[in-house]
Amino acid sequence: MVQYDAASSICQALGRGVTRSKELTLSWIRKAAENGFARACLDLAGLMYLDQPYAREVGHVMEAAGVATSTELVEGHDVPPDILTSVIHWVRKGCIDGKSNPPDYLDALRREALVGTKYCHNKGCEVVGLLKDFKVCPQCKTARYCGASCQTQDWTTGGHKEKCGKFGAIGSIKCST
């Protein structure tokens, strides 16, 4: 659903590189969310809900303690109440387009946390699982794979070899446009 590359995409659009740091990337996502970028709000909420590294520390909102939460929003979520309050804060801020509904978005996050989704970068793969169960490409640290066979197939025939080369060897991202 969400990736750490949101901030690096912004930097790419500006023609600047960014150091590959999950904590730094999350701080940029938070800045974008604070400035009203709906996608960044929803990405931050999703990363916090799924307990991605650093997400709960960076995304926690102290003033969200006053957020009115209905029983409909809170029911059935296995997330600490203070974190859920912050998640609801970001979801509400991100669902401003009128098409997204906060309870529906929270349900989708809950389903993804419980059941998982397709994270494997190999286009032909149908494996569903939790994000933590998928291994990251050691070179670009962006693509995820369910196993070595999918990674090898995507490298040889799926085009990842060409895309992976767009990333700098020292850990900075180069604009691929």
C-alpha atoms as a PDB file:
ATOM      1  CA  MET A   1       0.000   0.000   0.000  1.00  0.00           C
ATOM      2  CA  VAL A   2       2.597   2.547   1.035  1.00  0.00           C
ATOM      3  CA  GLN A   3       6.294   2.846   0.469  1.00  0.00           C
ATOM      4  CA  TYR A   4       9.130   4.861   1.911  1.00  0.00           C
ATOM      5  CA  ASP A   5       9.793   6.382  -1.510  1.00  0.00           C
ATOM      6  CA  ALA A   6       7.211   9.173  -1.237  1.00  0.00           C
ATOM      7  CA  ALA A   7       9.748  11.754  -0.067  1.00  0.00           C
ATOM      8  CA  SER A   8      12.397  10.567  -2.491  1.00  0.00           C
ATOM      9  CA  SER A   9       9.847  10.964  -5.307  1.00  0.00           C
ATOM     10  CA  ILE A  10       9.332  14.577  -4.264  1.00  0.00           C
ATOM     11  CA  CYS A  11      13.087  15.138  -4.292  1.00  0.00           C
ATOM     12  CA  GLN A  12      13.337  13.475  -7.699  1.00  0.00           C
ATOM     13  CA  ALA A  13      10.668  15.808  -9.050  1.00  0.00           C
ATOM     14  CA  LEU A  14      12.731  18.734  -7.783  1.00  0.00           C
ATOM     15  CA  GLY A  15      15.840  17.262  -9.413  1.00  0.00           C
ATOM     16  CA  ARG A  16      17.625  16.640  -6.123  1.00  0.00           C
ATOM     17  CA  GLY A  17      18.988  13.441  -4.625  1.00  0.00           C
ATOM     18  CA  VAL A  18      18.188  12.253  -1.135  1.00  0.00           C
ATOM     19  CA  THR A  19      20.083  10.026   1.278  1.00  0.00           C
ATOM     20  CA  ARG A  20      18.427   6.630   1.691  1.00  0.00           C
ATOM     21  CA  SER A  21      17.358   6.844   5.316  1.00  0.00           C
ATOM     22  CA  LYS A  22      13.959   5.603   6.464  1.00  0.00           C
ATOM     23  CA  GLU A  23      13.886   8.065   9.350  1.00  0.00           C
ATOM     24  CA  LEU A  24      14.795  11.020   7.113  1.00  0.00           C
ATOM     25  CA  THR A  25      12.297   9.911   4.471  1.00  0.00           C
ATOM     26  CA  LEU A  26       9.567   9.700   7.107  1.00  0.00           C
ATOM     27  CA  SER A  27      10.377  13.180   8.334  1.00  0.00           C
ATOM     28  CA  TRP A  28       9.924  14.452   4.747  1.00  0.00           C
ATOM     29  CA  ILE A  29       6.634  12.560   4.451  1.00  0.00           C
ATOM     30  CA  ARG A  30       5.529  14.186   7.720  1.00  0.00           C
ATOM     31  CA  LYS A  31       6.490  17.651   6.409  1.00  0.00           C
ATOM     32  CA  ALA A  32       4.482  17.006   3.245  1.00  0.00           C
ATOM     33  CA  ALA A  33       1.533  15.807   5.361  1.00  0.00           C
ATOM     34  CA  GLU A  34       1.714  18.881   7.583  1.00  0.00           C
ATOM     35  CA  ASN A  35       1.606  21.016   4.442  1.00  0.00           C
ATOM     36  CA  GLY A  36      -1.646  19.401   3.350  1.00  0.00           C
ATOM     37  CA  PHE A  37      -0.529  16.799   0.796  1.00  0.00           C
ATOM     38  CA  ALA A  38      -3.322  14.235   1.105  1.00  0.00           C
ATOM     39  CA  ARG A  39      -1.250  11.314  -0.247  1.00  0.00           C
ATOM     40  CA  ALA A  40       1.482  12.014   2.310  1.00  0.00           C
ATOM     41  CA  CYS A  41      -1.121  12.073   5.108  1.00  0.00           C
ATOM     42  CA  LEU A  42      -2.482   8.688   4.064  1.00  0.00           C
ATOM     43  CA  ASP A  43       1.010   7.229   3.539  1.00  0.00           C
ATOM     44  CA  LEU A  44       2.100   8.345   7.004  1.00  0.00           C
ATOM     45  CA  ALA A  45      -1.080   6.924   8.553  1.00  0.00           C
ATOM     46  CA  GLY A  46      -0.541   3.603   6.798  1.00  0.00           C
ATOM     47  CA  LEU A  47       3.112   3.366   7.811  1.00  0.00           C
ATOM     48  CA  MET A  48       2.207   4.133  11.412  1.00  0.00           C
ATOM     49  CA  TYR A  49      -0.635   1.610  11.443  1.00  0.00           C
ATOM     50  CA  LEU A  50       1.545  -1.141   9.983  1.00  0.00           C
ATOM     51  CA  ASP A  51       4.284  -0.290  12.541  1.00  0.00           C
ATOM     52  CA  GLN A  52       7.039   0.426  10.026  1.00  0.00           C
ATOM     53  CA  PRO A  53      10.417   1.400  11.526  1.00  0.00           C
ATOM     54  CA  TYR A  54      10.456   4.991  12.849  1.00  0.00           C
ATOM     55  CA  ALA A  55       6.919   5.695  11.568  1.00  0.00           C
ATOM     56  CA  ARG A  56       5.240   5.808  14.948  1.00  0.00           C
ATOM     57  CA  GLU A  57       7.907   8.088  16.415  1.00  0.00           C
ATOM     58  CA  VAL A  58       7.928  10.496  13.464  1.00  0.00           C
ATOM     59  CA  GLY A  59       4.181  10.492  12.819  1.00  0.00           C
ATOM     60  CA  HIS A  60       2.929  10.752  16.398  1.00  0.00           C
ATOM     61  CA  VAL A  61       0.809  13.849  16.882  1.00  0.00           C
ATOM     62  CA  MET A  62       0.519  15.235  20.402  1.00  0.00           C
ATOM     63  CA  GLU A  63      -2.391  17.535  19.527  1.00  0.00           C
ATOM     64  CA  ALA A  64      -4.274  14.547  18.098  1.00  0.00           C
ATOM     65  CA  ALA A  65      -5.113  13.560  21.673  1.00  0.00           C
ATOM     66  CA  GLY A  66      -8.138  15.843  21.310  1.00  0.00           C
ATOM     67  CA  VAL A  67      -9.334  14.115  18.134  1.00  0.00           C
ATOM     68  CA  ALA A  68     -12.870  12.879  18.631  1.00  0.00           C
ATOM     69  CA  THR A  69     -12.923   9.191  17.787  1.00  0.00           C
ATOM     70  CA  SER A  70     -16.166   7.371  17.245  1.00  0.00           C
ATOM     71  CA  THR A  71     -16.686   3.759  18.230  1.00  0.00           C
ATOM     72  CA  GLU A  72     -16.978   2.956  14.520  1.00  0.00           C
ATOM     73  CA  LEU A  73     -13.425   4.183  13.887  1.00  0.00           C
ATOM     74  CA  VAL A  74     -11.753   2.589  16.925  1.00  0.00           C
ATOM     75  CA  GLU A  75     -13.474  -0.807  17.015  1.00  0.00           C
ATOM     76  CA  GLY A  76     -11.498  -3.880  15.948  1.00  0.00           C
ATOM     77  CA  HIS A  77      -8.045  -2.303  15.585  1.00  0.00           C
ATOM     78  CA  ASP A  78      -5.061  -3.953  17.260  1.00  0.00           C
ATOM     79  CA  VAL A  79      -3.070  -0.704  17.519  1.00  0.00           C
ATOM     80  CA  PRO A  80      -2.224   1.184  20.737  1.00  0.00           C
ATOM     81  CA  PRO A  81      -4.868   3.873  21.397  1.00  0.00           C
ATOM     82  CA  ASP A  82      -2.447   6.827  21.230  1.00  0.00           C
ATOM     83  CA  ILE A  83      -1.067   5.589  17.895  1.00  0.00           C
ATOM     84  CA  LEU A  84      -4.575   4.938  16.558  1.00  0.00           C
ATOM     85  CA  THR A  85      -5.540   8.503  17.504  1.00  0.00           C
ATOM     86  CA  SER A  86      -2.588   9.845  15.475  1.00  0.00           C
ATOM     87  CA  VAL A  87      -3.435   7.511  12.578  1.00  0.00           C
ATOM     88  CA  ILE A  88      -7.035   8.768  12.598  1.00  0.00           C
ATOM     89  CA  HIS A  89      -5.729  12.353  12.631  1.00  0.00           C
ATOM     90  CA  TRP A  90      -3.658  11.745   9.459  1.00  0.00           C
ATOM     91  CA  VAL A  91      -6.407   9.705   7.755  1.00  0.00           C
ATOM     92  CA  ARG A  92      -8.962  12.456   8.310  1.00  0.00           C
ATOM     93  CA  LYS A  93      -6.508  15.049   7.026  1.00  0.00           C
ATOM     94  CA  GLY A  94      -5.780  12.865   3.981  1.00  0.00           C
ATOM     95  CA  CYS A  95      -9.396  12.049   3.118  1.00  0.00           C
ATOM     96  CA  ILE A  96     -10.194  15.580   1.982  1.00  0.00           C
ATOM     97  CA  ASP A  97     -10.986  14.720  -1.635  1.00  0.00           C
ATOM     98  CA  GLY A  98     -14.517  13.625  -0.821  1.00  0.00           C
ATOM     99  CA  LYS A  99     -13.909  10.253  -2.507  1.00  0.00           C
ATOM    100  CA  SER A 100     -12.130   8.648   0.443  1.00  0.00           C
ATOM    101  CA  ASN A 101     -13.940   7.722   3.621  1.00  0.00           C
ATOM    102  CA  PRO A 102     -11.875   7.490   6.869  1.00  0.00           C
ATOM    103  CA  PRO A 103     -13.668   4.373   8.206  1.00  0.00           C
ATOM    104  CA  ASP A 104     -13.187   2.592   4.857  1.00  0.00           C
ATOM    105  CA  TYR A 105      -9.510   3.558   4.725  1.00  0.00           C
ATOM    106  CA  LEU A 106      -8.952   2.349   8.301  1.00  0.00           C
ATOM    107  CA  ASP A 107     -10.696  -0.936   7.444  1.00  0.00           C
ATOM    108  CA  ALA A 108      -8.357  -1.380   4.478  1.00  0.00           C
ATOM    109  CA  LEU A 109      -5.354  -0.785   6.774  1.00  0.00           C
ATOM    110  CA  ARG A 110      -6.699  -3.300   9.294  1.00  0.00           C
ATOM    111  CA  ARG A 111      -7.219  -5.914   6.568  1.00  0.00           C
ATOM    112  CA  GLU A 112      -3.717  -5.320   5.219  1.00  0.00           C
ATOM    113  CA  ALA A 113      -2.247  -5.665   8.721  1.00  0.00           C
ATOM    114  CA  LEU A 114      -4.129  -8.907   9.378  1.00  0.00           C
ATOM    115  CA  VAL A 115      -4.123 -10.618   5.991  1.00  0.00           C
ATOM    116  CA  GLY A 116      -1.360  -8.882   4.084  1.00  0.00           C
ATOM    117  CA  THR A 117      -1.253  -7.980   0.420  1.00  0.00           C
ATOM    118  CA  LYS A 118       0.855  -8.547  -2.697  1.00  0.00           C
ATOM    119  CA  TYR A 119       4.226  -6.950  -2.013  1.00  0.00           C
ATOM    120  CA  CYS A 120       6.373  -9.026  -4.360  1.00  0.00           C
ATOM    121  CA  HIS A 121       7.892  -6.809  -7.080  1.00  0.00           C
ATOM    122  CA  ASN A 122       7.831  -9.700  -9.569  1.00  0.00           C
ATOM    123  CA  LYS A 123       4.793  -8.949 -11.732  1.00  0.00           C
ATOM    124  CA  GLY A 124       3.785 -12.599 -12.174  1.00  0.00           C
ATOM    125  CA  CYS A 125       3.843 -13.412  -8.470  1.00  0.00           C
ATOM    126  CA  GLU A 126       0.560 -13.876  -6.628  1.00  0.00           C
ATOM    127  CA  VAL A 127       1.987 -14.412  -3.120  1.00  0.00           C
ATOM    128  CA  VAL A 128       0.097 -12.501  -0.420  1.00  0.00           C
ATOM    129  CA  GLY A 129       1.692 -11.790   2.930  1.00  0.00           C
ATOM    130  CA  LEU A 130       2.812  -9.236   5.454  1.00  0.00           C
ATOM    131  CA  LEU A 131       5.358  -6.603   4.450  1.00  0.00           C
ATOM    132  CA  LYS A 132       7.889  -7.817   7.026  1.00  0.00           C
ATOM    133  CA  ASP A 133       7.958 -11.262   5.378  1.00  0.00           C
ATOM    134  CA  PHE A 134       9.229  -9.934   2.036  1.00  0.00           C
ATOM    135  CA  LYS A 135      12.970  -9.464   1.503  1.00  0.00           C
ATOM    136  CA  VAL A 136      14.279  -6.176   0.119  1.00  0.00           C
ATOM    137  CA  CYS A 137      16.571  -5.937  -2.915  1.00  0.00           C
ATOM    138  CA  PRO A 138      20.041  -5.459  -1.393  1.00  0.00           C
ATOM    139  CA  GLN A 139      21.096  -2.954  -4.058  1.00  0.00           C
ATOM    140  CA  CYS A 140      18.226  -0.456  -4.408  1.00  0.00           C
ATOM    141  CA  LYS A 141      16.503  -1.299  -1.093  1.00  0.00           C
ATOM    142  CA  THR A 142      13.144  -0.526  -2.726  1.00  0.00           C
ATOM    143  CA  ALA A 143      11.851  -3.659  -4.477  1.00  0.00           C
ATOM    144  CA  ARG A 144      10.565  -6.482  -2.272  1.00  0.00           C
ATOM    145  CA  TYR A 145      10.409 -10.184  -3.089  1.00  0.00           C
ATOM    146  CA  CYS A 146       8.761 -13.233  -1.563  1.00  0.00           C
ATOM    147  CA  GLY A 147      11.804 -15.366  -2.334  1.00  0.00           C
ATOM    148  CA  ALA A 148      15.027 -15.799  -4.268  1.00  0.00           C
ATOM    149  CA  SER A 149      13.312 -17.305  -7.332  1.00  0.00           C
ATOM    150  CA  CYS A 150      11.051 -14.249  -7.777  1.00  0.00           C
ATOM    151  CA  GLN A 151      13.985 -11.904  -7.284  1.00  0.00           C
ATOM    152  CA  THR A 152      16.061 -13.772  -9.877  1.00  0.00           C
ATOM    153  CA  GLN A 153      13.183 -13.853 -12.358  1.00  0.00           C
ATOM    154  CA  ASP A 154      12.489 -10.129 -11.938  1.00  0.00           C
ATOM    155  CA  TRP A 155      16.208  -9.365 -12.310  1.00  0.00           C
ATOM    156  CA  THR A 156      16.632 -11.409 -15.491  1.00  0.00           C
ATOM    157  CA  THR A 157      13.306 -10.972 -17.300  1.00  0.00           C
ATOM    158  CA  GLY A 158      11.222  -8.483 -15.305  1.00  0.00           C
ATOM    159  CA  GLY A 159      13.300  -5.383 -15.929  1.00  0.00           C
ATOM    160  CA  HIS A 160      14.433  -4.735 -12.375  1.00  0.00           C
ATOM    161  CA  LYS A 161      18.075  -4.882 -13.459  1.00  0.00           C
ATOM    162  CA  GLU A 162      17.600  -1.749 -15.578  1.00  0.00           C
ATOM    163  CA  LYS A 163      15.518   0.097 -12.964  1.00  0.00           C
ATOM    164  CA  CYS A 164      17.802  -0.873 -10.106  1.00  0.00           C
ATOM    165  CA  GLY A 165      20.681   0.787 -11.959  1.00  0.00           C
ATOM    166  CA  LYS A 166      18.885   4.144 -11.651  1.00  0.00           C
ATOM    167  CA  PHE A 167      19.797   4.248  -7.972  1.00  0.00           C
ATOM    168  CA  GLY A 168      23.214   5.543  -6.912  1.00  0.00           C
ATOM    169  CA  ALA A 169      25.725   3.068  -5.569  1.00  0.00           C
ATOM    170  CA  ILE A 170      26.428   5.198  -2.488  1.00  0.00           C
ATOM    171  CA  GLY A 171      22.832   5.260  -1.372  1.00  0.00           C
ATOM    172  CA  SER A 172      21.441   8.406  -2.971  1.00  0.00           C
ATOM    173  CA  ILE A 173      18.620   8.393  -5.467  1.00  0.00           C
ATOM    174  CA  LYS A 174      19.039   9.912  -8.884  1.00  0.00           C
ATOM    175  CA  CYS A 175      16.146  11.384 -10.812  1.00  0.00           C
ATOM    176  CA  SER A 176      14.988   8.771 -13.329  1.00  0.00           C
ATOM    177  CA  THR A 177      12.925  11.085 -15.543  1.00  0.00           C
END
